[in-house]
Amino acid sequence: MTDQHPAGYSPRLHNHDLGPVPQKWTWYNILAFWMSDVHSVGGYVFAASLFALGLASWQVLIALLVGICIIQVIANL
């Protein structure tokens, strides 16, 4: 069994255990990762503060969706 290491890397610095694992991201993986970020204490506090300001539930939903879309675009430039 031979250890394959990328060109330009010392075999002392790279082996099978330390190398990155190939990933196959599906739509479910991306959605689950995104949802783990959206469902956070900061998101809940922000939503609660919008309710405390007197916004209706549909206005809070619109504000959250617009904010999430803006961050999604900025984060993926």
C-alpha atoms as a PDB file:
ATOM      1  CA  MET A   1       0.000   0.000   0.000  1.00  0.00           C
ATOM      2  CA  THR A   2       1.511   3.304  -1.071  1.00  0.00           C
ATOM      3  CA  ASP A   3       0.628   6.647   0.394  1.00  0.00           C
ATOM      4  CA  GLN A   4      -0.318   9.207  -2.237  1.00  0.00           C
ATOM      5  CA  HIS A   5       0.411  12.814  -1.364  1.00  0.00           C
ATOM      6  CA  PRO A   6      -0.198  15.955  -3.413  1.00  0.00           C
ATOM      7  CA  ALA A   7       2.697  17.292  -5.467  1.00  0.00           C
ATOM      8  CA  GLY A   8       4.769  19.838  -3.614  1.00  0.00           C
ATOM      9  CA  TYR A   9       3.873  18.524  -0.155  1.00  0.00           C
ATOM     10  CA  SER A  10       6.230  16.617   2.060  1.00  0.00           C
ATOM     11  CA  PRO A  11       5.081  13.074   2.900  1.00  0.00           C
ATOM     12  CA  ARG A  12       5.742  13.969   6.528  1.00  0.00           C
ATOM     13  CA  LEU A  13       3.053  16.683   6.374  1.00  0.00           C
ATOM     14  CA  HIS A  14       0.354  14.784   4.480  1.00  0.00           C
ATOM     15  CA  ASN A  15      -1.077  11.305   4.920  1.00  0.00           C
ATOM     16  CA  HIS A  16      -4.423   9.559   4.521  1.00  0.00           C
ATOM     17  CA  ASP A  17      -5.533  10.429   8.068  1.00  0.00           C
ATOM     18  CA  LEU A  18      -4.737  14.151   7.747  1.00  0.00           C
ATOM     19  CA  GLY A  19      -5.959  14.739   4.187  1.00  0.00           C
ATOM     20  CA  PRO A  20      -9.390  16.241   3.509  1.00  0.00           C
ATOM     21  CA  VAL A  21     -12.310  13.896   2.972  1.00  0.00           C
ATOM     22  CA  PRO A  22     -14.037  14.246  -0.416  1.00  0.00           C
ATOM     23  CA  GLN A  23     -17.536  15.666   0.034  1.00  0.00           C
ATOM     24  CA  LYS A  24     -20.658  15.228  -2.062  1.00  0.00           C
ATOM     25  CA  TRP A  25     -22.986  18.060  -1.096  1.00  0.00           C
ATOM     26  CA  THR A  26     -26.626  17.583  -2.040  1.00  0.00           C
ATOM     27  CA  TRP A  27     -29.452  20.086  -1.692  1.00  0.00           C
ATOM     28  CA  TYR A  28     -30.324  18.511   1.676  1.00  0.00           C
ATOM     29  CA  ASN A  29     -26.803  19.027   3.052  1.00  0.00           C
ATOM     30  CA  ILE A  30     -26.794  22.678   1.996  1.00  0.00           C
ATOM     31  CA  LEU A  31     -30.291  23.227   3.435  1.00  0.00           C
ATOM     32  CA  ALA A  32     -29.381  21.551   6.737  1.00  0.00           C
ATOM     33  CA  PHE A  33     -26.182  23.612   7.027  1.00  0.00           C
ATOM     34  CA  TRP A  34     -28.097  26.815   6.253  1.00  0.00           C
ATOM     35  CA  MET A  35     -30.868  25.965   8.742  1.00  0.00           C
ATOM     36  CA  SER A  36     -28.317  25.306  11.482  1.00  0.00           C
ATOM     37  CA  ASP A  37     -27.078  28.861  10.950  1.00  0.00           C
ATOM     38  CA  VAL A  38     -30.531  30.458  10.721  1.00  0.00           C
ATOM     39  CA  HIS A  39     -31.899  28.778  13.854  1.00  0.00           C
ATOM     40  CA  SER A  40     -29.680  30.491  16.373  1.00  0.00           C
ATOM     41  CA  VAL A  41     -30.122  32.557  19.505  1.00  0.00           C
ATOM     42  CA  GLY A  42     -29.284  35.718  17.549  1.00  0.00           C
ATOM     43  CA  GLY A  43     -32.020  35.003  15.015  1.00  0.00           C
ATOM     44  CA  TYR A  44     -34.588  34.400  17.730  1.00  0.00           C
ATOM     45  CA  VAL A  45     -33.598  37.582  19.587  1.00  0.00           C
ATOM     46  CA  PHE A  46     -33.840  39.571  16.350  1.00  0.00           C
ATOM     47  CA  ALA A  47     -37.308  38.165  15.603  1.00  0.00           C
ATOM     48  CA  ALA A  48     -38.449  38.840  19.169  1.00  0.00           C
ATOM     49  CA  SER A  49     -37.188  42.426  18.975  1.00  0.00           C
ATOM     50  CA  LEU A  50     -39.191  42.968  15.778  1.00  0.00           C
ATOM     51  CA  PHE A  51     -42.299  41.713  17.560  1.00  0.00           C
ATOM     52  CA  ALA A  52     -41.487  44.007  20.502  1.00  0.00           C
ATOM     53  CA  LEU A  53     -41.374  46.955  18.086  1.00  0.00           C
ATOM     54  CA  GLY A  54     -44.974  46.211  17.197  1.00  0.00           C
ATOM     55  CA  LEU A  55     -44.577  44.575  13.794  1.00  0.00           C
ATOM     56  CA  ALA A  56     -47.151  42.030  12.674  1.00  0.00           C
ATOM     57  CA  SER A  57     -46.111  38.432  12.104  1.00  0.00           C
ATOM     58  CA  TRP A  58     -46.142  38.785   8.311  1.00  0.00           C
ATOM     59  CA  GLN A  59     -43.911  41.869   8.564  1.00  0.00           C
ATOM     60  CA  VAL A  60     -41.438  39.994  10.769  1.00  0.00           C
ATOM     61  CA  LEU A  61     -41.399  37.120   8.276  1.00  0.00           C
ATOM     62  CA  ILE A  62     -40.784  39.490   5.353  1.00  0.00           C
ATOM     63  CA  ALA A  63     -38.012  41.291   7.271  1.00  0.00           C
ATOM     64  CA  LEU A  64     -36.302  38.008   8.133  1.00  0.00           C
ATOM     65  CA  LEU A  65     -36.535  36.691   4.566  1.00  0.00           C
ATOM     66  CA  VAL A  66     -35.156  39.924   3.097  1.00  0.00           C
ATOM     67  CA  GLY A  67     -32.305  39.955   5.610  1.00  0.00           C
ATOM     68  CA  ILE A  68     -31.480  36.295   4.996  1.00  0.00           C
ATOM     69  CA  CYS A  69     -31.443  36.848   1.223  1.00  0.00           C
ATOM     70  CA  ILE A  70     -29.151  39.880   1.541  1.00  0.00           C
ATOM     71  CA  ILE A  71     -26.698  37.963   3.726  1.00  0.00           C
ATOM     72  CA  GLN A  72     -26.854  34.947   1.391  1.00  0.00           C
ATOM     73  CA  VAL A  73     -25.921  37.110  -1.602  1.00  0.00           C
ATOM     74  CA  ILE A  74     -23.152  38.978   0.236  1.00  0.00           C
ATOM     75  CA  ALA A  75     -21.680  35.791   1.707  1.00  0.00           C
ATOM     76  CA  ASN A  76     -21.462  34.117  -1.710  1.00  0.00           C
ATOM     77  CA  LEU A  77     -19.896  36.910  -3.770  1.00  0.00           C
END
